[in-house]
Amino acid sequence: MRPPYLAFEQVTKRFGELDVVAPPFSFEIGQKEFVVFLGPSGCGKTTLMRMIGGLESLSSGAIMLHGVPLGPPDRRRGMVFQSYSSFPWLTVSSNIDFGMRYRNDLSKEEKRERREHYLEMVGLADFGEAFPNKLSGGMRQRIAIARALASGSEILLMDEPFGALDALRRERLQVELRRIQKEDAKTVVFVTHDVEEAVFLADRIVVFSKRPARILSVVDVAGTLGTERSLKVRDSDAFFRLRSRVLHMIRESAGETE
């Protein structure tokens, strides 16, 4: 029997006397799945994502990829944060190249082709020689996404990457992210506290309680809305019903049901 693609096995996390992830957390994520961690601020969802990336240690348990425990950061896991993580002294093209700096398995020409492919995919093909400080916030986030993809990441870890954007840019990038994830067949773990964003993006939503993190529910969004997402989905009755259901879970967990 093949092991699950990505699995949390009895994971816990403590900072001193503070329980962040407890009781032991177990969960599985399928290959090419888009999973959203949703919960109140400070509940431990970002800590869990950072543990996947190797940026946080585990107090106990293991996180397994293809049945093998994950260790320090490597290029199989790309991360995109809320803050714009492009390098302002490098052009857009050079930012993408930076993500491939340790790809000794690629020739110079293969790296160039890969860079052009991902610049095209994220809609920045005409901005390769521009510097990030001349671009909008949404475009700078697309640089970070392209760099993570070009590096060869199997898993894209995204910590509220659209949180600093205005509503219109955020909505556009959400649509773009679903398209990119489908075209490039990546597994995505996305952290947010925005219920509408979670429902629009996810194949499944893991709804967390307040700290220490425990799973309140796992919501099968794809089973309700399907896997194709467009802005029209936001206007559907199914979307509104699902959003209300998830929001009620969050309110109930926080004791705000009145």
Protein backbone atom coordinates (compact mmCIF):
# COMPACT_ATOMS: atom_id res chain seq x y z
CA MET A 1 0.00 0.00 0.00
CA ARG A 2 1.42 3.37 -1.02
CA PRO A 3 1.93 5.91 1.79
CA PRO A 4 -0.09 9.15 1.68
CA TYR A 5 1.51 11.99 -0.24
CA LEU A 6 1.84 14.43 2.69
CA ALA A 7 0.95 13.33 6.19
CA PHE A 8 1.02 14.84 9.67
CA GLU A 9 1.50 12.00 12.16
CA GLN A 10 0.74 12.80 15.80
CA VAL A 11 2.34 16.25 15.57
CA THR A 12 2.52 18.54 18.58
CA LYS A 13 4.20 21.91 19.11
CA ARG A 14 5.02 23.79 22.31
CA PHE A 15 6.73 27.14 22.84
CA GLY A 16 7.93 26.93 26.42
CA GLU A 17 4.80 26.33 28.50
CA LEU A 18 2.48 27.33 25.66
CA ASP A 19 0.68 24.61 23.70
CA VAL A 20 0.36 25.70 20.05
CA VAL A 21 -0.55 22.37 18.46
CA ALA A 22 -2.18 19.97 20.94
CA PRO A 23 -3.65 17.37 21.22
CA PRO A 24 -1.53 15.47 18.66
CA PHE A 25 -2.43 16.56 15.12
CA SER A 26 -2.86 13.98 12.34
CA PHE A 27 -3.98 14.80 8.81
CA GLU A 28 -3.26 13.79 5.20
CA ILE A 29 -3.01 15.93 2.06
CA GLY A 30 -3.23 14.44 -1.41
CA GLN A 31 -0.89 15.17 -4.30
CA LYS A 32 -2.07 18.12 -6.45
CA GLU A 33 -4.64 19.05 -3.81
CA PHE A 34 -5.37 22.64 -2.76
CA VAL A 35 -5.86 22.63 1.02
CA VAL A 36 -6.64 25.76 3.03
CA PHE A 37 -5.91 26.07 6.74
CA LEU A 38 -8.57 28.38 8.15
CA GLY A 39 -8.93 29.64 11.68
CA PRO A 40 -8.69 32.64 13.99
CA SER A 41 -5.45 34.60 14.26
CA GLY A 42 -2.94 32.92 16.55
CA CYS A 43 -4.60 29.49 16.43
CA GLY A 44 -1.48 27.66 15.18
CA LYS A 45 -2.28 27.24 11.47
CA THR A 46 0.79 29.20 10.31
CA THR A 47 2.98 27.20 12.69
CA LEU A 48 1.74 23.97 11.12
CA MET A 49 2.47 25.30 7.64
CA ARG A 50 5.95 26.45 8.67
CA MET A 51 6.62 22.97 10.03
CA ILE A 52 5.88 21.55 6.57
CA GLY A 53 8.43 23.99 5.17
CA GLY A 54 11.07 23.06 7.74
CA LEU A 55 11.05 26.53 9.30
CA GLU A 56 9.68 25.30 12.64
CA SER A 57 10.70 22.22 14.59
CA LEU A 58 8.18 19.68 15.91
CA SER A 59 7.87 18.96 19.61
CA SER A 60 6.76 15.42 18.77
CA GLY A 61 5.45 13.40 15.85
CA ALA A 62 6.50 13.59 12.20
CA ILE A 63 5.54 15.16 8.90
CA MET A 64 6.01 12.69 6.05
CA LEU A 65 6.36 13.29 2.30
CA HIS A 66 6.01 10.10 0.24
CA GLY A 67 6.41 8.19 3.53
CA VAL A 68 9.74 9.84 4.39
CA PRO A 69 10.11 12.35 7.28
CA LEU A 70 10.65 15.95 6.18
CA GLY A 71 13.69 17.79 7.48
CA PRO A 72 15.24 21.23 6.88
CA PRO A 73 14.00 23.43 4.01
CA ASP A 74 14.67 22.16 0.50
CA ARG A 75 13.51 23.05 -3.00
CA ARG A 76 10.62 20.56 -2.87
CA ARG A 77 8.82 23.13 -0.72
CA GLY A 78 8.39 26.70 -1.92
CA MET A 79 7.06 29.43 0.35
CA VAL A 80 5.19 32.66 -0.38
CA PHE A 81 4.56 35.05 2.50
CA GLN A 82 2.21 37.99 3.03
CA SER A 83 5.09 40.45 2.76
CA TYR A 84 6.41 40.97 -0.74
CA SER A 85 9.47 38.72 -0.84
CA SER A 86 11.02 39.82 -4.12
CA PHE A 87 14.54 41.25 -4.11
CA PRO A 88 14.30 44.95 -5.04
CA TRP A 89 17.87 45.14 -6.40
CA LEU A 90 17.17 42.36 -8.94
CA THR A 91 15.02 42.55 -12.06
CA VAL A 92 11.93 40.37 -12.31
CA SER A 93 13.85 37.85 -14.46
CA SER A 94 16.77 37.80 -12.03
CA ASN A 95 14.37 37.19 -9.14
CA ILE A 96 13.10 34.09 -10.92
CA ASP A 97 16.67 32.98 -11.69
CA PHE A 98 17.51 33.31 -7.99
CA GLY A 99 15.01 30.55 -7.24
CA MET A 100 16.99 28.19 -9.49
CA ARG A 101 20.45 29.05 -8.18
CA TYR A 102 20.97 25.55 -6.74
CA ARG A 103 19.49 23.67 -9.71
CA ASN A 104 22.71 22.03 -10.88
CA ASP A 105 20.61 19.53 -12.81
CA LEU A 106 19.56 22.26 -15.27
CA SER A 107 21.67 23.77 -18.02
CA LYS A 108 21.81 27.53 -18.55
CA GLU A 109 19.44 27.20 -21.50
CA GLU A 110 17.01 25.03 -19.53
CA LYS A 111 16.95 27.63 -16.75
CA ARG A 112 16.22 30.35 -19.28
CA GLU A 113 13.36 28.34 -20.78
CA ARG A 114 12.00 27.59 -17.32
CA ARG A 115 12.16 31.27 -16.34
CA GLU A 116 10.31 32.34 -19.48
CA HIS A 117 7.70 29.63 -18.96
CA TYR A 118 6.83 30.78 -15.46
CA LEU A 119 6.96 34.48 -16.31
CA GLU A 120 4.39 33.74 -19.00
CA MET A 121 2.30 31.62 -16.65
CA VAL A 122 2.00 34.39 -14.04
CA GLY A 123 1.44 37.12 -16.64
CA LEU A 124 4.79 38.90 -16.25
CA ALA A 125 6.39 38.03 -19.60
CA ASP A 126 6.54 41.73 -20.57
CA PHE A 127 8.15 42.80 -17.27
CA GLY A 128 11.29 40.65 -17.15
CA GLU A 129 13.66 43.63 -17.12
CA ALA A 130 11.60 45.72 -14.70
CA PHE A 131 12.53 46.15 -11.05
CA PRO A 132 9.97 45.11 -8.39
CA ASN A 133 9.66 48.60 -6.87
CA LYS A 134 8.15 49.75 -10.18
CA LEU A 135 5.40 47.13 -10.00
CA SER A 136 2.13 46.80 -8.09
CA GLY A 137 1.79 44.68 -4.97
CA GLY A 138 -0.11 42.02 -6.88
CA MET A 139 2.62 41.80 -9.51
CA ARG A 140 5.29 41.46 -6.82
CA GLN A 141 3.39 38.56 -5.29
CA ARG A 142 3.29 36.92 -8.71
CA ILE A 143 7.10 37.22 -8.83
CA ALA A 144 7.28 35.26 -5.56
CA ILE A 145 4.91 32.60 -6.91
CA ALA A 146 6.88 32.26 -10.16
CA ARG A 147 10.18 31.99 -8.26
CA ALA A 148 8.81 29.22 -6.03
CA LEU A 149 7.47 27.30 -9.03
CA ALA A 150 10.67 27.73 -11.07
CA SER A 151 12.76 26.36 -8.21
CA GLY A 152 11.08 22.99 -8.76
CA SER A 153 8.87 22.98 -5.66
CA GLU A 154 6.39 20.12 -5.41
CA ILE A 155 4.49 21.90 -2.66
CA LEU A 156 3.60 25.58 -2.58
CA LEU A 157 3.20 26.89 0.99
CA MET A 158 1.38 30.22 1.14
CA ASP A 159 0.93 32.22 4.35
CA GLU A 160 -1.82 34.83 3.77
CA PRO A 161 -0.06 35.97 0.58
CA PHE A 162 -2.86 38.31 -0.51
CA GLY A 163 -3.58 39.86 2.88
CA ALA A 164 -1.93 43.21 2.09
CA LEU A 165 -3.71 43.68 -1.26
CA ASP A 166 -6.84 45.66 -2.02
CA ALA A 167 -10.03 43.69 -2.65
CA LEU A 168 -9.91 43.83 -6.46
CA ARG A 169 -6.27 42.73 -6.77
CA ARG A 170 -6.83 40.04 -4.17
CA GLU A 171 -9.77 38.65 -6.12
CA ARG A 172 -7.83 38.63 -9.39
CA LEU A 173 -4.86 36.84 -7.85
CA GLN A 174 -7.13 34.24 -6.27
CA VAL A 175 -8.44 33.37 -9.74
CA GLU A 176 -4.89 33.35 -11.12
CA LEU A 177 -3.62 31.10 -8.33
CA ARG A 178 -6.28 28.46 -9.02
CA ARG A 179 -5.38 28.55 -12.72
CA ILE A 180 -1.64 28.29 -12.05
CA GLN A 181 -2.10 25.45 -9.55
CA LYS A 182 -4.16 23.47 -12.02
CA GLU A 183 -1.85 24.09 -15.00
CA ASP A 184 1.32 23.26 -13.07
CA ALA A 185 -0.21 20.40 -11.02
CA LYS A 186 1.18 21.59 -7.68
CA THR A 187 0.06 20.75 -4.17
CA VAL A 188 -0.85 23.96 -2.33
CA VAL A 189 -1.20 24.54 1.42
CA PHE A 190 -2.70 27.99 1.93
CA VAL A 191 -3.16 29.76 5.28
CA THR A 192 -5.84 32.41 5.77
CA HIS A 193 -8.34 33.72 8.31
CA ASP A 194 -10.61 34.99 5.50
CA VAL A 195 -13.62 32.66 5.14
CA GLU A 196 -14.61 33.83 1.66
CA GLU A 197 -11.07 33.42 0.37
CA ALA A 198 -10.88 29.92 1.84
CA VAL A 199 -14.15 28.81 0.23
CA PHE A 200 -13.21 30.24 -3.16
CA LEU A 201 -9.72 28.68 -3.29
CA ALA A 202 -9.90 25.33 -1.54
CA ASP A 203 -10.48 21.77 -2.59
CA ARG A 204 -10.71 21.13 1.15
CA ILE A 205 -10.75 23.50 4.12
CA VAL A 206 -9.29 22.47 7.47
CA VAL A 207 -11.15 24.58 10.03
CA PHE A 208 -9.15 25.07 13.23
CA SER A 209 -10.21 25.97 16.73
CA LYS A 210 -8.58 28.76 18.66
CA ARG A 211 -5.18 27.87 20.15
CA PRO A 212 -4.11 25.17 20.76
CA ALA A 213 -4.89 24.07 17.22
CA ARG A 214 -7.32 21.21 16.80
CA ILE A 215 -9.47 20.37 13.81
CA LEU A 216 -13.10 21.45 14.12
CA SER A 217 -14.04 20.21 10.66
CA VAL A 218 -12.65 19.28 7.24
CA VAL A 219 -14.91 20.77 4.57
CA ASP A 220 -15.04 19.18 1.12
CA VAL A 221 -15.38 22.32 -1.00
CA ALA A 222 -14.63 20.60 -4.32
CA GLY A 223 -17.47 18.17 -3.64
CA THR A 224 -19.88 21.12 -3.44
CA LEU A 225 -18.48 23.71 -5.86
CA GLY A 226 -16.43 21.47 -8.19
CA THR A 227 -12.80 22.04 -9.11
CA GLU A 228 -13.31 24.80 -11.69
CA ARG A 229 -13.41 28.26 -10.13
CA SER A 230 -14.33 31.58 -11.67
CA LEU A 231 -15.74 34.80 -10.29
CA LYS A 232 -19.23 33.52 -11.16
CA VAL A 233 -18.84 30.92 -8.41
CA ARG A 234 -18.90 33.71 -5.81
CA ASP A 235 -22.43 34.64 -6.87
CA SER A 236 -23.85 31.13 -6.60
CA ASP A 237 -26.24 29.99 -3.89
CA ALA A 238 -23.96 27.02 -3.16
CA PHE A 239 -21.05 29.39 -2.45
CA PHE A 240 -23.12 31.54 -0.07
CA ARG A 241 -24.45 28.50 1.79
CA LEU A 242 -20.98 27.01 2.20
CA ARG A 243 -19.47 30.30 3.30
CA SER A 244 -22.22 30.72 5.91
CA ARG A 245 -21.67 27.18 7.17
CA VAL A 246 -17.92 27.67 7.59
CA LEU A 247 -18.34 31.13 9.14
CA HIS A 248 -20.76 29.66 11.67
CA MET A 249 -18.11 27.09 12.68
CA ILE A 250 -15.57 29.85 13.28
CA ARG A 251 -18.04 31.94 15.29
CA GLU A 252 -19.11 28.96 17.36
CA SER A 253 -15.49 28.10 18.16
CA ALA A 254 -14.85 31.69 19.27
CA GLY A 255 -18.04 31.75 21.36
CA GLU A 256 -19.62 34.41 19.15
CA THR A 257 -22.83 32.72 18.03
CA GLU A 258 -25.23 35.39 19.27
